[in-house]
Amino acid sequence: MENDELDEIFVDRNEPINKKLLVEVLKPFVIIDSEGMINFSAEYEKLSGNNKILIYLCCKKAMVLKEIPNKQEATGITEASKEANVTIDIAKNAFYKVFNKLLKKEGDGYIIPNYNLIKIKQIIMGE
């Protein structure tokens, strides 16, 4: 079977998660207990408000992967603002303007598609 050159620019919507990449993004900034309580590090506090939103969304992805009860990946703006410890205006800006092309609407909230994790890492580590 011949490879299609166009495959290089298309992503699989159902791309499996790269857990190692997710850990690389989260490890400097958080630890999460078995009930889903997030403890932010001093490094997290140095991040911009927008990037704190990305870290929180990655935390939600990790919690779902670990099958923590009553956790779903899709996250609304109010929840993200409260849990990431940023203002509602920062959360709205992150969801609707700064990262709107990296996030995907799912139900009543937003998720980071697995294929965008590498971009998230570049944004976070490039700060």
Protein backbone atom coordinates (compact mmCIF):
# COMPACT_ATOMS: atom_id res chain seq x y z
CA MET A 1 0.00 0.00 0.00
CA GLU A 2 1.37 3.38 -1.05
CA ASN A 3 1.73 6.22 1.44
CA ASP A 4 -0.20 9.37 0.70
CA GLU A 5 1.97 12.48 1.05
CA LEU A 6 -1.05 14.33 2.44
CA ASP A 7 -1.01 12.08 5.52
CA GLU A 8 1.83 14.23 6.88
CA ILE A 9 -0.48 17.20 7.40
CA PHE A 10 -3.59 15.42 8.64
CA VAL A 11 -4.22 14.32 12.21
CA ASP A 12 -6.27 11.45 13.52
CA ARG A 13 -9.08 12.87 15.66
CA ASN A 14 -8.83 9.74 17.80
CA GLU A 15 -5.06 9.79 18.20
CA PRO A 16 -4.15 7.90 21.37
CA ILE A 17 -2.75 9.92 24.22
CA ASN A 18 0.99 10.14 24.64
CA LYS A 19 1.15 9.68 28.42
CA LYS A 20 4.87 10.43 28.56
CA LEU A 21 4.27 13.80 26.90
CA LEU A 22 1.41 14.57 29.29
CA VAL A 23 3.68 13.81 32.27
CA GLU A 24 6.42 16.03 30.81
CA VAL A 25 3.95 18.91 30.62
CA LEU A 26 2.53 18.44 34.11
CA LYS A 27 5.43 17.21 36.26
CA PRO A 28 7.12 20.59 36.92
CA PHE A 29 3.84 22.20 37.94
CA VAL A 30 1.55 19.77 39.80
CA ILE A 31 1.04 16.64 41.77
CA ILE A 32 -2.39 15.03 41.86
CA ASP A 33 -3.65 12.77 44.62
CA SER A 34 -5.75 9.63 44.11
CA GLU A 35 -8.98 11.57 44.62
CA GLY A 36 -8.15 14.20 42.03
CA MET A 37 -6.95 16.96 44.34
CA ILE A 38 -4.39 19.07 42.48
CA ASN A 39 -1.45 20.56 44.36
CA PHE A 40 0.29 23.30 42.41
CA SER A 41 4.05 23.86 42.70
CA ALA A 42 5.93 27.14 43.03
CA GLU A 43 6.75 26.81 39.33
CA TYR A 44 3.04 26.80 38.54
CA GLU A 45 2.64 30.13 40.29
CA LYS A 46 5.21 31.66 37.91
CA LEU A 47 3.12 30.78 34.83
CA SER A 48 0.90 33.26 33.05
CA GLY A 49 -2.81 32.96 33.73
CA ASN A 50 -3.39 31.62 30.23
CA ASN A 51 -0.84 28.87 30.71
CA LYS A 52 -2.33 27.98 34.10
CA ILE A 53 -5.55 27.21 32.21
CA LEU A 54 -3.64 24.84 29.90
CA ILE A 55 -2.06 23.07 32.87
CA TYR A 56 -5.46 22.64 34.49
CA LEU A 57 -6.94 21.20 31.29
CA CYS A 58 -4.00 18.77 31.10
CA CYS A 59 -4.66 17.80 34.73
CA LYS A 60 -8.25 16.96 33.83
CA LYS A 61 -7.00 14.78 30.96
CA ALA A 62 -4.63 12.96 33.35
CA MET A 63 -7.40 12.40 35.92
CA VAL A 64 -9.67 10.84 33.30
CA LEU A 65 -6.82 8.58 32.14
CA LYS A 66 -6.28 7.46 35.75
CA GLU A 67 -10.04 6.83 36.00
CA ILE A 68 -10.51 9.04 39.04
CA PRO A 69 -14.22 8.80 39.92
CA ASN A 70 -16.53 11.68 39.01
CA LYS A 71 -13.93 13.41 36.82
CA GLN A 72 -14.65 14.27 33.23
CA GLU A 73 -12.26 15.89 30.81
CA ALA A 74 -14.52 18.59 29.38
CA THR A 75 -14.08 21.73 31.44
CA GLY A 76 -16.13 24.90 31.55
CA ILE A 77 -14.76 28.40 31.94
CA THR A 78 -16.07 28.92 35.49
CA GLU A 79 -14.56 25.66 36.73
CA ALA A 80 -11.23 26.36 35.00
CA SER A 81 -11.08 29.85 36.48
CA LYS A 82 -11.77 28.64 40.00
CA GLU A 83 -9.58 25.53 39.96
CA ALA A 84 -6.62 27.07 38.08
CA ASN A 85 -6.78 30.08 40.40
CA VAL A 86 -7.16 32.72 37.68
CA THR A 87 -9.79 35.39 37.10
CA ILE A 88 -12.84 34.63 34.99
CA ASP A 89 -11.62 37.21 32.46
CA ILE A 90 -8.31 35.38 32.05
CA ALA A 91 -10.16 32.09 31.62
CA LYS A 92 -12.50 33.57 28.98
CA ASN A 93 -9.52 35.06 27.16
CA ALA A 94 -7.68 31.72 27.21
CA PHE A 95 -10.67 29.71 25.98
CA TYR A 96 -12.07 32.12 23.40
CA LYS A 97 -9.05 34.02 22.07
CA VAL A 98 -5.57 32.81 22.96
CA PHE A 99 -6.09 29.04 22.71
CA ASN A 100 -9.36 28.76 20.78
CA LYS A 101 -7.61 26.92 17.91
CA LEU A 102 -5.97 24.42 20.29
CA LEU A 103 -9.10 23.54 22.27
CA LYS A 104 -12.14 21.56 21.18
CA LYS A 105 -15.69 22.12 22.37
CA GLU A 106 -17.11 18.96 23.88
CA GLY A 107 -20.52 19.02 25.52
CA ASP A 108 -20.65 21.90 27.99
CA GLY A 109 -16.89 22.36 28.16
CA TYR A 110 -13.60 22.23 26.33
CA ILE A 111 -10.79 19.70 26.03
CA ILE A 112 -7.28 19.62 24.60
CA PRO A 113 -7.29 17.11 21.74
CA ASN A 114 -4.51 14.55 22.16
CA TYR A 115 -2.84 15.62 18.91
CA ASN A 116 -2.37 19.15 20.33
CA LEU A 117 -0.37 18.06 23.40
CA ILE A 118 2.97 18.71 21.66
CA LYS A 119 1.87 22.29 20.94
CA ILE A 120 0.77 22.69 24.55
CA LYS A 121 4.20 21.51 25.73
CA GLN A 122 5.90 24.00 23.43
CA ILE A 123 3.74 26.84 24.74
CA ILE A 124 4.27 25.94 28.40
CA MET A 125 7.99 25.24 28.20
CA GLY A 126 8.61 28.22 25.93
CA GLU A 127 7.34 30.67 28.53
